[in-house]
């Protein structure tokens, strides 16, 4: 029997550049912010889904007031005034407070003046792409997602104190801690959790009719659940939660819808 060929496509260079920028941002941001590559947000003005190369939002609560968007432009010409104005229109539509235009080719003086305070223009050379390979990221576990790769952007440490059922001088409380990676698919946005103890990778839908929790092979004293939440302005987000047996629920990742 012939060996099956790998049908996964080679990502175009502009897509690799976008993922590179997302990775660089995620590695430098504070843990209270979450990074989503290739995000889609329904515009407040247009009412249509807008594609955002890199989206930065609050991680732990349904708060879109600090939203930052990034446009990664891999091309030979400089960023100009038209690019800045189009980007500012996107920012206004998705409710971003600040934006970054990233390019390997720099920008014109007019673009710098037009950007003013709400837009920052940054240069990231193509040299950074030489040893960067997003195709080495784990494949998305969602059935039907083709060529999606998991972008890890969070590393929550979950700790649970286990107490004996009956009081006894010989039995003491035990504190159990596990480290996980959390992230989402760079194509379909599906949440994933990677347990570093048992090496299981879970795929969690945010629209689960059964509303069931998911556990890895360790069977820890918590489970994972994804849901869709809405802020005061009516903007929707998919959120990933760790639900502990003591009743605590920790939101560990988010992505806007």
Foldseek 3Di string as FASTA:
>chain_A
DDDDDDPADDDDPQLLQLVLVQVVDLVPDDQQKFKAAQAWFQFPPPRHIDTFRIWIAGQWDDDRQAIETEAEDEDADAAEQVNLVVVVVVCNRRVHQAYEYEYQHYHDPRNVVNNPPRYHYYHDHCVSSPPGDQLPADAAPDPPDGNWGWDWRHKDKDKDWAFDPDDDPVGDIDIDIWIWTWTATNPPGWIWIATPPVRDIDTADQDDPVQDFDDDPVPDQWTKHWHWDADPVGWIKIWIWIAGPVGDITTNGIGTD
